[in-house]
Structures are given as C-alpha cells and as structure tokens.
Amino acid sequence: MTVASDRSNWLGSDRFLARSLARPISRFLHVEASSGILLLVAAVVALVWANSPWSASYRDLWTTELTIGVGGLDLTEDLRHWVNDGLMTLFFFVIGLEIKQELTNGQLTSAKEAAIPAAGALGGMAVPALLYLALTLGGDGAAGWGIPMATDVAFALGVLALLARFVPAELKVLLLGLAIVDDVGAIVVIALFYSDGLAGSWLAAAAAGLLVVVLLRQVGVRFLPVYVVLGAGIWLATFESGVHATLAGVALGLLTPARPFLPDVDADRVADELSADRHVTAAEVRDISFRIRESIPMTERLQDLLHPWTSYLVVPVFALANAGVVVSGNTLANAASSPVTLGVVLGLVVGKVVGVAGAIALATRLGIARLPGSVTNRHILGMAALAGIGFTVSIFITGLAFEDPLLTDQAKIGVLAASAIAAAVGALILTLGRADAADVDA
C-alpha cells in the first residue's frame, strides 16, 4: 500500500523525470487505451449497420460526393475518401509529431534505448509481409503485402490497459516504442509502394511548401495560423501530386520543432518574479504565460492539443467509414479460401509473433539490447501477439492496395479476424504468465 502511494505521489510530484517524462507518457497511454474502446465500438457499429436492413443508408452515406473549391480548383471526392485522404492526414501529422519527439527526446534518442522496439518492429514488419507473399505471390492479391505489417497502438494498448495488473509498466512503454518504429515503416511503405502516377509539378510545389516551412522556422516565425495555411497548401499539392496526401501530415510533423524555444525557464523562478506586493498585472501574466508556454516543445504542445481529437474523433470516424464489410455466408466462404484473407491472418497472427519475439530474442542474444528487469520473455511473447492487432493502418493500406471491392472486403475480413485472434492470444499469454509467476512465488 505504501509502495503504491509513493508511486502515486512521485507521479504527481514536481520532480524533473515525473514532470517531463512520466506524466506525459501516462497521459498518452491513457488516451490511447481509452480510445481503443471507442475505436472498437465504431467498428462494431459499422459492421452491424452494413449488414442491417438499413445497409443501403450506410453505403449511400459514405459514397455521397462532396466538392470543395480552392481558387479555380475544385476537389470532388466521396465522404469515405475525404475521411481517408483528409481527416487521416491529421492522424498522420500526430504520428509525425510523436516520431519527432521520440527521435529528439524519447526512446529513440540512442541506439541502446531504441534497440528493443526497433528490432521488434523490423522483425514484425518483415516476417508478416513474407508470409503474406508466400500465399499470394503471382496472384491478384500480391499487392496487399503491406497490410499485415501494421500494428494498431490504440487497440493494443487498450488490451494492455485491461491487463494492467498482469503486466509491468515497462511493457507498455516497449509496445509504444515498437508501434512508433512500426509507424515509421508504414509511412515508408506507403510513400514508396502505394503512391503512383506522380505529377512532377505538384510534387515540386509540395516540396517548395515544405522548404518555406523550414525557412520560416529558421527566421523564428512562430505564428501558428501561418503554418496552418501553408500546411493546407502542402496537403493540396501532395494530394494532386499522386503521393498519398496523408504523407503531407507526416512531413509537417517531422518538421515541427522538438526543442523548447526557451529551454531554461523554471516555473518556480518565474512565479517568484511576480510583484512583491502581490498585485499581479495583466502584462506580467501575459509575459509569464508566454515564457512558460515557450519552455515546452512545440511537438509536445501540438500532441497535447491534437492527440485527443485524432484518438476520439478521427480514428473512430475512419473505422465507421471503412469497417462496414458486408458479411454473408458466401462472403465468409470465399474469404475462408482466399489467399488474401489467409495471408493477412497468417501475417498478423503468426508473423507478428515470430517476427517481433524472434527479432528481440536475437537482439538480446547478440548483446545489442537488454530487456528491462521486470520484463520477461513471456511478456515479450504476449506483446508480440498483441502487435498482431493491425486494425487502423492495415485497413488504411487495404484501401491503397486494392481497387477490386472483392479483394478489399476479403482483406478487411482478414484484418478484423486477425485482430480479434491476436488480442485473445496476447491476453491469454500475458494472463498465463501472471499465473505462472504466482505459482512460483507461492
């Protein structure tokens, strides 16, 4: 009881590690875990709606076209594409912020700290892709090899949150690091293999916009609306260039400053500078507010602002728009014998376990990395199984890989089935590991 109390007091204290590392990670994990529940609800609603007597309304809603005019240019897309190409750009922008933050101040700042999540992520991307290709190579579904490479951190952390008393806190941090490296891999795959028909002039315009962002940063421009307008222009140029528009969000996230503009500000010292007679002026409050705000990296400020929006709104809407697969006896029968469905399931359920756990075991055996003291091989195996929950990015890549509705539905069924199996297997491994530990202690 005392230990728990001490931990709680330490987390709420003003110590540097608690303030700058533990509390931000705790808030991040809380949002990711709770958003996983909302994501699951949105997916279930989409499935039920698409297979209900009102299925036509589901189809009609997401195929409704919306036109937005920008100057002399009109963009016309259906609502599903506006979600996938527009709203999801915000999701990938937050991913870019997280990657930049981790590369600058987090788990990926040194090779030793990054070794375990990096090894696990690389193995967890390569093995599933190879297993998928083994079943589909030479067929119409071969283009979907990127689908089983992804890990849905919201769902995976949601399962870990339900198992909090069975797993050490370090495992959540390892899973978060693995998911971040996995996101980097997904971004590279989308950029290199799922963008086509490039328009050079639009691509040059997007690159020029990013260069302007860099120059404005160099001269110290901090007025956020300027970057919002530039970001919209860069998104438009990227959209028209043939590169997937969401990559504009990633690029802008990576260009966001991850160092505080005023790194030496101390909140206590600033408070002591207030008027001695306790008469605080509006100018003093404005100055202190500015100085404290500027002592926090822009990446962290934007994550704090946008992460709840992407977790609680953008991703659930994406699930609602994309998870509505029509399930019938014929659909399931075709999926059960489809190399695409089987490849996705094999890749996510088996490939992730073999790839993640195998790569981490190899890295520790070679002395490249070392597991945290409270994390056992059983925990790593359970984490590797949970990494097979691919939902959000796997379904996203499905939409990029296939134009054939039949292949798309077969892949989505595979993603849904594999994610459910991976969650169950991972939870079973982690709870059995706890039971074994209890027997040993007894």
Protein backbone atom coordinates (compact mmCIF):
# COMPACT_ATOMS: atom_id res chain seq x y z
CA MET A 1 0.00 0.00 0.00
CA THR A 2 2.84 2.33 0.88
CA VAL A 3 4.66 1.49 -2.34
CA ALA A 4 1.58 2.30 -4.42
CA SER A 5 1.13 5.55 -2.52
CA ASP A 6 4.77 6.51 -3.03
CA ARG A 7 4.48 5.82 -6.73
CA SER A 8 1.33 7.92 -6.97
CA ASN A 9 2.97 10.78 -5.06
CA TRP A 10 6.08 10.57 -7.23
CA LEU A 11 3.99 10.69 -10.43
CA GLY A 12 2.24 13.80 -9.14
CA SER A 13 5.41 15.44 -7.87
CA ASP A 14 7.35 18.29 -9.45
CA ARG A 15 10.49 16.21 -9.95
CA PHE A 16 12.06 16.53 -13.38
CA LEU A 17 11.50 12.91 -14.51
CA ALA A 18 7.93 12.86 -13.23
CA ARG A 19 7.11 16.20 -14.86
CA SER A 20 8.92 15.77 -18.17
CA LEU A 21 8.63 12.02 -18.81
CA ALA A 22 6.32 10.02 -16.57
CA ARG A 23 3.21 12.24 -16.66
CA PRO A 24 3.29 12.86 -20.46
CA ILE A 25 3.66 9.10 -21.10
CA SER A 26 0.89 8.36 -18.60
CA ARG A 27 -1.47 10.81 -20.33
CA PHE A 28 -0.54 9.41 -23.74
CA LEU A 29 -1.17 5.82 -22.68
CA HIS A 30 -4.46 6.77 -21.07
CA VAL A 31 -5.74 8.42 -24.24
CA GLU A 32 -4.54 5.58 -26.48
CA ALA A 33 -6.03 2.90 -24.25
CA SER A 34 -9.41 4.54 -23.79
CA SER A 35 -9.64 5.48 -27.47
CA GLY A 36 -9.21 1.81 -28.34
CA ILE A 37 -12.60 1.15 -26.76
CA LEU A 38 -14.24 3.87 -28.86
CA LEU A 39 -12.49 2.51 -31.95
CA LEU A 40 -13.90 -0.95 -31.26
CA VAL A 41 -17.39 0.48 -30.80
CA ALA A 42 -17.13 2.36 -34.12
CA ALA A 43 -16.01 -0.81 -35.93
CA VAL A 44 -18.86 -2.85 -34.46
CA VAL A 45 -21.39 -0.14 -35.38
CA ALA A 46 -20.06 -0.10 -38.95
CA LEU A 47 -20.32 -3.89 -39.25
CA VAL A 48 -23.82 -4.03 -37.80
CA TRP A 49 -25.00 -1.08 -39.90
CA ALA A 50 -23.57 -2.51 -43.14
CA ASN A 51 -25.31 -5.84 -42.51
CA SER A 52 -28.62 -4.45 -41.24
CA PRO A 53 -31.87 -3.69 -43.11
CA TRP A 54 -30.52 -0.13 -43.34
CA SER A 55 -27.31 -1.17 -45.15
CA ALA A 56 -28.22 0.99 -48.15
CA SER A 57 -28.05 4.12 -45.97
CA TYR A 58 -24.53 3.13 -44.86
CA ARG A 59 -23.41 2.76 -48.46
CA ASP A 60 -25.18 5.92 -49.58
CA LEU A 61 -23.68 7.99 -46.76
CA TRP A 62 -20.05 7.17 -47.47
CA THR A 63 -20.42 7.37 -51.26
CA THR A 64 -22.01 10.83 -51.08
CA GLU A 65 -19.84 13.23 -53.04
CA LEU A 66 -18.60 16.48 -51.56
CA THR A 67 -16.97 19.23 -53.63
CA ILE A 68 -14.64 21.82 -52.13
CA GLY A 69 -13.42 24.71 -54.23
CA VAL A 70 -9.92 26.14 -53.73
CA GLY A 71 -9.39 29.12 -56.02
CA GLY A 72 -10.01 27.84 -59.53
CA LEU A 73 -9.56 24.22 -58.44
CA ASP A 74 -12.50 22.03 -57.43
CA LEU A 75 -11.91 18.83 -55.48
CA THR A 76 -14.69 16.27 -55.63
CA GLU A 77 -14.47 13.09 -53.55
CA ASP A 78 -16.94 10.90 -51.73
CA LEU A 79 -17.12 11.17 -47.95
CA ARG A 80 -15.08 8.00 -47.42
CA HIS A 81 -12.19 9.44 -49.43
CA TRP A 82 -12.44 12.78 -47.61
CA VAL A 83 -12.04 10.83 -44.37
CA ASN A 84 -9.19 8.68 -45.69
CA ASP A 85 -7.31 11.44 -47.52
CA GLY A 86 -8.31 14.44 -45.40
CA LEU A 87 -9.10 13.62 -41.79
CA MET A 88 -6.46 10.90 -41.64
CA THR A 89 -3.84 13.49 -42.57
CA LEU A 90 -4.33 14.89 -39.07
CA PHE A 91 -3.81 11.40 -37.64
CA PHE A 92 -0.55 11.01 -39.57
CA PHE A 93 0.51 14.52 -38.55
CA VAL A 94 0.26 13.45 -34.91
CA ILE A 95 2.26 10.31 -35.76
CA GLY A 96 4.92 12.57 -37.29
CA LEU A 97 4.96 14.66 -34.08
CA GLU A 98 5.36 11.52 -31.96
CA ILE A 99 8.20 10.23 -34.11
CA LYS A 100 10.00 13.60 -33.98
CA GLN A 101 9.55 13.79 -30.20
CA GLU A 102 10.88 10.27 -29.71
CA LEU A 103 13.85 10.87 -32.01
CA THR A 104 14.72 14.07 -30.15
CA ASN A 105 13.84 13.49 -26.51
CA GLY A 106 12.39 9.99 -26.15
CA GLN A 107 13.03 6.30 -26.57
CA LEU A 108 14.69 6.62 -29.97
CA THR A 109 17.39 9.12 -28.95
CA SER A 110 20.09 6.47 -28.66
CA ALA A 111 20.75 3.12 -30.29
CA LYS A 112 20.67 1.31 -26.94
CA GLU A 113 17.28 2.72 -25.94
CA ALA A 114 15.80 2.09 -29.38
CA ALA A 115 17.26 -1.41 -29.88
CA ILE A 116 14.40 -3.50 -28.48
CA PRO A 117 11.44 -1.66 -30.05
CA ALA A 118 13.35 -1.17 -33.31
CA ALA A 119 14.34 -4.84 -33.57
CA GLY A 120 10.83 -5.96 -32.70
CA ALA A 121 9.22 -3.59 -35.21
CA LEU A 122 11.56 -4.54 -38.05
CA GLY A 123 11.01 -8.25 -37.46
CA GLY A 124 7.29 -7.61 -37.05
CA MET A 125 7.14 -5.94 -40.45
CA ALA A 126 9.37 -8.26 -42.46
CA VAL A 127 8.04 -11.68 -41.40
CA PRO A 128 4.31 -10.89 -41.87
CA ALA A 129 4.98 -9.42 -45.32
CA LEU A 130 6.95 -12.51 -46.35
CA LEU A 131 4.27 -14.89 -45.07
CA TYR A 132 1.60 -12.93 -46.93
CA LEU A 133 3.61 -13.03 -50.16
CA ALA A 134 4.19 -16.77 -49.74
CA LEU A 135 0.42 -17.26 -50.08
CA THR A 136 -0.38 -14.59 -52.67
CA LEU A 137 2.70 -14.18 -54.89
CA GLY A 138 1.71 -14.29 -58.54
CA GLY A 139 -1.97 -13.71 -57.74
CA ASP A 140 -4.21 -10.65 -57.83
CA GLY A 141 -3.78 -10.08 -54.10
CA ALA A 142 0.02 -9.82 -54.05
CA ALA A 143 -0.14 -6.01 -53.88
CA GLY A 144 -1.51 -6.25 -50.32
CA TRP A 145 1.77 -7.41 -48.77
CA GLY A 146 1.91 -4.19 -46.70
CA ILE A 147 -1.41 -4.90 -44.96
CA PRO A 148 -0.16 -7.31 -42.22
CA MET A 149 2.88 -5.15 -41.41
CA ALA A 150 0.97 -2.64 -39.26
CA THR A 151 0.23 -2.52 -35.52
CA ASP A 152 -2.72 -0.56 -34.13
CA VAL A 153 -1.29 1.01 -30.98
CA ALA A 154 -4.70 2.19 -29.69
CA PHE A 155 -6.18 -1.31 -29.72
CA ALA A 156 -3.01 -2.98 -28.45
CA LEU A 157 -2.59 -0.53 -25.57
CA GLY A 158 -6.29 -0.86 -24.83
CA VAL A 159 -5.84 -4.60 -24.28
CA LEU A 160 -2.78 -3.95 -22.11
CA ALA A 161 -4.80 -1.45 -20.06
CA LEU A 162 -7.34 -4.19 -19.32
CA LEU A 163 -4.45 -6.41 -18.22
CA ALA A 164 -2.69 -3.70 -16.19
CA ARG A 165 -2.40 -5.84 -13.04
CA PHE A 166 -0.81 -8.68 -15.03
CA VAL A 167 1.95 -6.77 -16.85
CA PRO A 168 4.80 -4.44 -15.81
CA ALA A 169 4.53 -0.78 -16.78
CA GLU A 170 7.73 -1.10 -18.83
CA LEU A 171 5.93 -3.38 -21.26
CA LYS A 172 3.53 -0.59 -22.21
CA VAL A 173 6.47 1.69 -22.95
CA LEU A 174 8.12 -1.03 -25.06
CA LEU A 175 4.89 -1.55 -27.02
CA LEU A 176 4.58 2.18 -27.57
CA GLY A 177 8.16 2.34 -28.87
CA LEU A 178 7.56 -0.66 -31.12
CA ALA A 179 4.42 0.97 -32.53
CA ILE A 180 6.29 4.21 -33.25
CA VAL A 181 9.01 2.41 -35.23
CA ASP A 182 6.26 0.39 -36.91
CA ASP A 183 4.59 3.68 -37.91
CA VAL A 184 7.85 4.85 -39.47
CA GLY A 185 7.94 1.63 -41.51
CA ALA A 186 4.31 2.04 -42.59
CA ILE A 187 4.98 5.61 -43.72
CA VAL A 188 7.97 4.49 -45.81
CA VAL A 189 5.95 1.65 -47.35
CA ILE A 190 3.05 3.96 -48.24
CA ALA A 191 5.40 6.56 -49.74
CA LEU A 192 7.45 4.11 -51.82
CA PHE A 193 4.97 1.43 -52.84
CA TYR A 194 1.43 2.81 -52.56
CA SER A 195 1.78 6.13 -54.37
CA ASP A 196 1.56 6.19 -58.17
CA GLY A 197 1.01 8.42 -61.17
CA LEU A 198 3.28 11.15 -59.82
CA ALA A 199 2.75 14.68 -61.17
CA GLY A 200 6.13 16.41 -61.08
CA SER A 201 4.88 20.00 -60.92
CA TRP A 202 2.57 19.34 -57.96
CA LEU A 203 5.29 17.35 -56.20
CA ALA A 204 7.68 20.27 -56.68
CA ALA A 205 5.05 22.62 -55.25
CA ALA A 206 4.69 20.41 -52.16
CA ALA A 207 8.47 20.31 -51.72
CA ALA A 208 8.62 24.10 -52.10
CA GLY A 209 5.95 24.47 -49.41
CA LEU A 210 7.96 22.30 -47.03
CA LEU A 211 11.05 24.38 -47.80
CA VAL A 212 9.14 27.55 -46.90
CA VAL A 213 8.18 25.93 -43.58
CA VAL A 214 11.86 25.21 -42.88
CA LEU A 215 12.86 28.79 -43.77
CA LEU A 216 10.15 30.29 -41.57
CA ARG A 217 11.36 28.12 -38.70
CA GLN A 218 14.91 29.34 -39.25
CA VAL A 219 13.93 33.01 -39.05
CA GLY A 220 11.86 32.37 -35.91
CA VAL A 221 8.28 32.70 -37.18
CA ARG A 222 6.02 31.12 -34.55
CA PHE A 223 2.58 32.38 -35.60
CA LEU A 224 0.61 29.13 -35.90
CA PRO A 225 -2.03 30.32 -38.45
CA VAL A 226 0.77 30.88 -41.00
CA TYR A 227 1.74 27.21 -40.73
CA VAL A 228 -1.91 26.10 -40.88
CA VAL A 229 -2.37 27.92 -44.21
CA LEU A 230 0.94 26.57 -45.53
CA GLY A 231 0.01 23.08 -44.36
CA ALA A 232 -3.29 23.24 -46.25
CA GLY A 233 -1.41 24.24 -49.40
CA ILE A 234 1.14 21.46 -48.95
CA TRP A 235 -1.69 18.95 -48.44
CA LEU A 236 -3.38 20.11 -51.66
CA ALA A 237 -0.14 19.88 -53.65
CA THR A 238 0.60 16.44 -52.22
CA PHE A 239 -2.95 15.28 -52.99
CA GLU A 240 -2.64 16.39 -56.62
CA SER A 241 0.91 15.02 -56.99
CA GLY A 242 -0.09 11.35 -56.71
CA VAL A 243 1.76 10.83 -53.42
CA HIS A 244 -0.78 9.89 -50.78
CA ALA A 245 -1.99 13.10 -49.15
CA THR A 246 -1.54 11.81 -45.59
CA LEU A 247 2.23 11.90 -46.09
CA ALA A 248 2.00 15.70 -46.06
CA GLY A 249 0.89 15.39 -42.43
CA VAL A 250 3.85 13.17 -41.60
CA ALA A 251 6.32 15.56 -43.24
CA LEU A 252 4.91 18.57 -41.39
CA GLY A 253 5.01 16.64 -38.11
CA LEU A 254 8.68 15.77 -38.63
CA LEU A 255 9.50 19.43 -39.36
CA THR A 256 7.87 20.65 -36.13
CA PRO A 257 10.44 21.88 -33.54
CA ALA A 258 11.01 19.35 -30.76
CA ARG A 259 13.21 21.61 -28.65
CA PRO A 260 11.71 24.34 -26.44
CA PHE A 261 12.20 27.90 -27.69
CA LEU A 262 13.03 28.97 -24.11
CA PRO A 263 14.68 25.89 -22.59
CA ASP A 264 15.92 27.47 -19.37
CA VAL A 265 12.60 28.68 -17.99
CA ASP A 266 11.85 27.46 -14.48
CA ALA A 267 8.21 27.79 -13.41
CA ASP A 268 9.05 28.42 -9.74
CA ARG A 269 11.56 31.11 -10.59
CA VAL A 270 9.11 32.79 -12.94
CA ALA A 271 6.46 32.79 -10.20
CA ASP A 272 8.92 34.44 -7.79
CA GLU A 273 9.35 37.29 -10.27
CA LEU A 274 5.76 38.44 -9.74
CA SER A 275 5.30 41.74 -7.99
CA ALA A 276 6.28 41.58 -4.31
CA ASP A 277 3.11 43.39 -3.31
CA ARG A 278 1.03 40.57 -4.80
CA HIS A 279 -0.54 42.96 -7.26
CA VAL A 280 -0.24 40.97 -10.47
CA THR A 281 -0.70 42.98 -13.64
CA ALA A 282 -2.14 41.70 -16.91
CA ALA A 283 1.20 42.37 -18.60
CA GLU A 284 3.01 40.19 -16.05
CA VAL A 285 0.53 37.34 -16.52
CA ARG A 286 0.86 37.60 -20.31
CA ASP A 287 4.66 37.60 -20.11
CA ILE A 288 4.82 34.66 -17.70
CA SER A 289 2.27 32.69 -19.69
CA PHE A 290 4.35 33.22 -22.84
CA ARG A 291 7.61 32.20 -21.19
CA ILE A 292 6.19 29.04 -19.62
CA ARG A 293 4.45 28.06 -22.87
CA GLU A 294 7.64 28.57 -24.87
CA SER A 295 9.55 26.33 -22.45
CA ILE A 296 7.50 23.35 -23.72
CA PRO A 297 8.48 21.90 -27.14
CA MET A 298 6.04 22.65 -29.96
CA THR A 299 5.77 18.92 -30.71
CA GLU A 300 4.54 18.26 -27.19
CA ARG A 301 2.11 21.20 -27.25
CA LEU A 302 0.57 20.11 -30.54
CA GLN A 303 0.34 16.49 -29.41
CA ASP A 304 -1.44 17.60 -26.26
CA LEU A 305 -3.86 19.65 -28.38
CA LEU A 306 -4.49 17.21 -31.25
CA HIS A 307 -3.98 13.73 -29.83
CA PRO A 308 -7.42 13.57 -28.16
CA TRP A 309 -9.06 14.78 -31.38
CA THR A 310 -7.36 12.15 -33.54
CA SER A 311 -7.93 9.38 -30.98
CA TYR A 312 -11.52 10.17 -30.08
CA LEU A 313 -12.83 11.54 -33.38
CA VAL A 314 -10.65 10.99 -36.46
CA VAL A 315 -9.78 7.30 -35.99
CA PRO A 316 -13.29 6.23 -34.86
CA VAL A 317 -14.81 8.05 -37.88
CA PHE A 318 -12.26 6.26 -40.09
CA ALA A 319 -13.35 2.94 -38.58
CA LEU A 320 -17.01 3.81 -39.09
CA ALA A 321 -16.34 4.66 -42.75
CA ASN A 322 -14.17 1.65 -43.57
CA ALA A 323 -15.09 -1.30 -41.33
CA GLY A 324 -18.57 -1.81 -42.79
CA VAL A 325 -17.91 -5.06 -44.64
CA VAL A 326 -20.98 -6.93 -45.84
CA VAL A 327 -20.75 -10.37 -44.23
CA SER A 328 -22.77 -13.24 -45.67
CA GLY A 329 -22.39 -16.97 -46.00
CA ASN A 330 -20.87 -16.61 -49.46
CA THR A 331 -18.58 -13.77 -48.34
CA LEU A 332 -17.22 -15.80 -45.43
CA ALA A 333 -16.88 -18.93 -47.58
CA ASN A 334 -14.92 -17.00 -50.20
CA ALA A 335 -12.79 -15.33 -47.53
CA ALA A 336 -12.01 -18.67 -45.85
CA SER A 337 -10.42 -19.92 -49.06
CA SER A 338 -8.98 -16.59 -50.22
CA PRO A 339 -5.18 -16.27 -50.25
CA VAL A 340 -5.65 -12.59 -49.36
CA THR A 341 -7.67 -13.28 -46.21
CA LEU A 342 -5.47 -16.20 -45.17
CA GLY A 343 -2.31 -14.20 -45.89
CA VAL A 344 -3.49 -11.30 -43.71
CA VAL A 345 -4.47 -13.62 -40.85
CA LEU A 346 -1.25 -15.64 -41.09
CA GLY A 347 0.84 -12.49 -41.28
CA LEU A 348 -0.77 -10.72 -38.32
CA VAL A 349 -1.33 -13.69 -36.02
CA VAL A 350 1.73 -15.84 -36.72
CA GLY A 351 4.08 -13.44 -38.49
CA LYS A 352 3.95 -10.79 -35.78
CA VAL A 353 4.70 -13.30 -33.00
CA VAL A 354 7.58 -14.88 -34.89
CA GLY A 355 8.93 -11.58 -36.21
CA VAL A 356 8.66 -9.42 -33.08
CA ALA A 357 9.63 -12.03 -30.48
CA GLY A 358 12.29 -13.59 -32.71
CA ALA A 359 13.98 -10.30 -33.55
CA ILE A 360 14.02 -9.18 -29.90
CA ALA A 361 15.42 -12.56 -28.81
CA LEU A 362 18.16 -12.26 -31.44
CA ALA A 363 18.99 -8.68 -30.40
CA THR A 364 19.30 -9.66 -26.73
CA ARG A 365 21.32 -12.78 -27.58
CA LEU A 366 23.77 -10.68 -29.60
CA GLY A 367 24.05 -8.17 -26.77
CA ILE A 368 22.62 -5.34 -28.87
CA ALA A 369 19.77 -4.82 -26.43
CA ARG A 370 18.72 -5.79 -22.91
CA LEU A 371 15.24 -6.32 -21.53
CA PRO A 372 14.13 -4.16 -18.59
CA GLY A 373 14.46 -6.05 -15.32
CA SER A 374 10.75 -6.66 -14.79
CA VAL A 375 10.04 -7.74 -18.39
CA THR A 376 10.33 -11.48 -19.09
CA ASN A 377 10.35 -13.48 -22.31
CA ARG A 378 6.72 -14.38 -21.62
CA HIS A 379 5.84 -10.68 -21.59
CA ILE A 380 7.65 -10.17 -24.89
CA LEU A 381 5.76 -13.09 -26.43
CA GLY A 382 2.45 -11.60 -25.24
CA MET A 383 3.40 -8.17 -26.57
CA ALA A 384 4.37 -9.74 -29.91
CA ALA A 385 0.93 -11.35 -30.13
CA LEU A 386 -0.79 -8.05 -29.36
CA ALA A 387 1.25 -6.42 -32.13
CA GLY A 388 -0.87 -8.51 -34.49
CA ILE A 389 -3.79 -6.15 -33.84
CA GLY A 390 -3.41 -4.28 -37.11
CA PHE A 391 -6.78 -2.59 -37.47
CA THR A 392 -6.43 1.12 -38.39
CA VAL A 393 -3.30 1.26 -40.58
CA SER A 394 -3.92 -2.24 -42.01
CA ILE A 395 -7.38 -1.19 -43.25
CA PHE A 396 -5.87 2.08 -44.47
CA ILE A 397 -3.27 0.23 -46.57
CA THR A 398 -6.00 -2.12 -47.83
CA GLY A 399 -7.72 0.86 -49.42
CA LEU A 400 -4.46 1.83 -51.12
CA ALA A 401 -3.52 -1.66 -52.26
CA PHE A 402 -6.75 -2.80 -53.92
CA GLU A 403 -9.31 -1.30 -56.26
CA ASP A 404 -11.28 -4.53 -56.59
CA PRO A 405 -14.10 -4.44 -53.97
CA LEU A 406 -13.92 -8.23 -53.59
CA LEU A 407 -10.23 -8.19 -52.67
CA THR A 408 -10.81 -5.18 -50.40
CA ASP A 409 -13.57 -6.96 -48.47
CA GLN A 410 -11.52 -10.16 -48.20
CA ALA A 411 -8.57 -8.21 -46.80
CA LYS A 412 -10.78 -6.32 -44.33
CA ILE A 413 -12.32 -9.58 -43.10
CA GLY A 414 -8.80 -10.89 -42.60
CA VAL A 415 -7.78 -7.77 -40.66
CA LEU A 416 -10.85 -7.94 -38.40
CA ALA A 417 -10.49 -11.67 -37.75
CA ALA A 418 -6.73 -11.48 -37.19
CA SER A 419 -7.02 -8.51 -34.83
CA ALA A 420 -9.57 -10.36 -32.70
CA ILE A 421 -7.43 -13.51 -32.61
CA ALA A 422 -4.26 -11.55 -31.83
CA ALA A 423 -5.97 -9.74 -28.95
CA ALA A 424 -7.24 -13.01 -27.47
CA VAL A 425 -3.91 -14.82 -27.86
CA GLY A 426 -1.91 -11.93 -26.42
CA ALA A 427 -4.24 -11.59 -23.43
CA LEU A 428 -4.07 -15.34 -22.80
CA ILE A 429 -0.27 -15.41 -22.88
CA LEU A 430 0.05 -12.45 -20.53
CA THR A 431 -2.52 -13.73 -18.01
CA LEU A 432 -0.99 -17.23 -18.03
CA GLY A 433 2.39 -15.65 -17.45
CA ARG A 434 1.00 -13.94 -14.34
CA ALA A 435 -0.47 -17.21 -13.10
CA ASP A 436 2.86 -18.99 -13.52
CA ALA A 437 4.64 -16.22 -11.61
CA ALA A 438 2.14 -16.54 -8.77
CA ASP A 439 2.76 -20.28 -8.57
CA VAL A 440 6.50 -19.70 -8.38
CA ASP A 441 6.08 -17.09 -5.61
CA ALA A 442 3.89 -19.50 -3.66
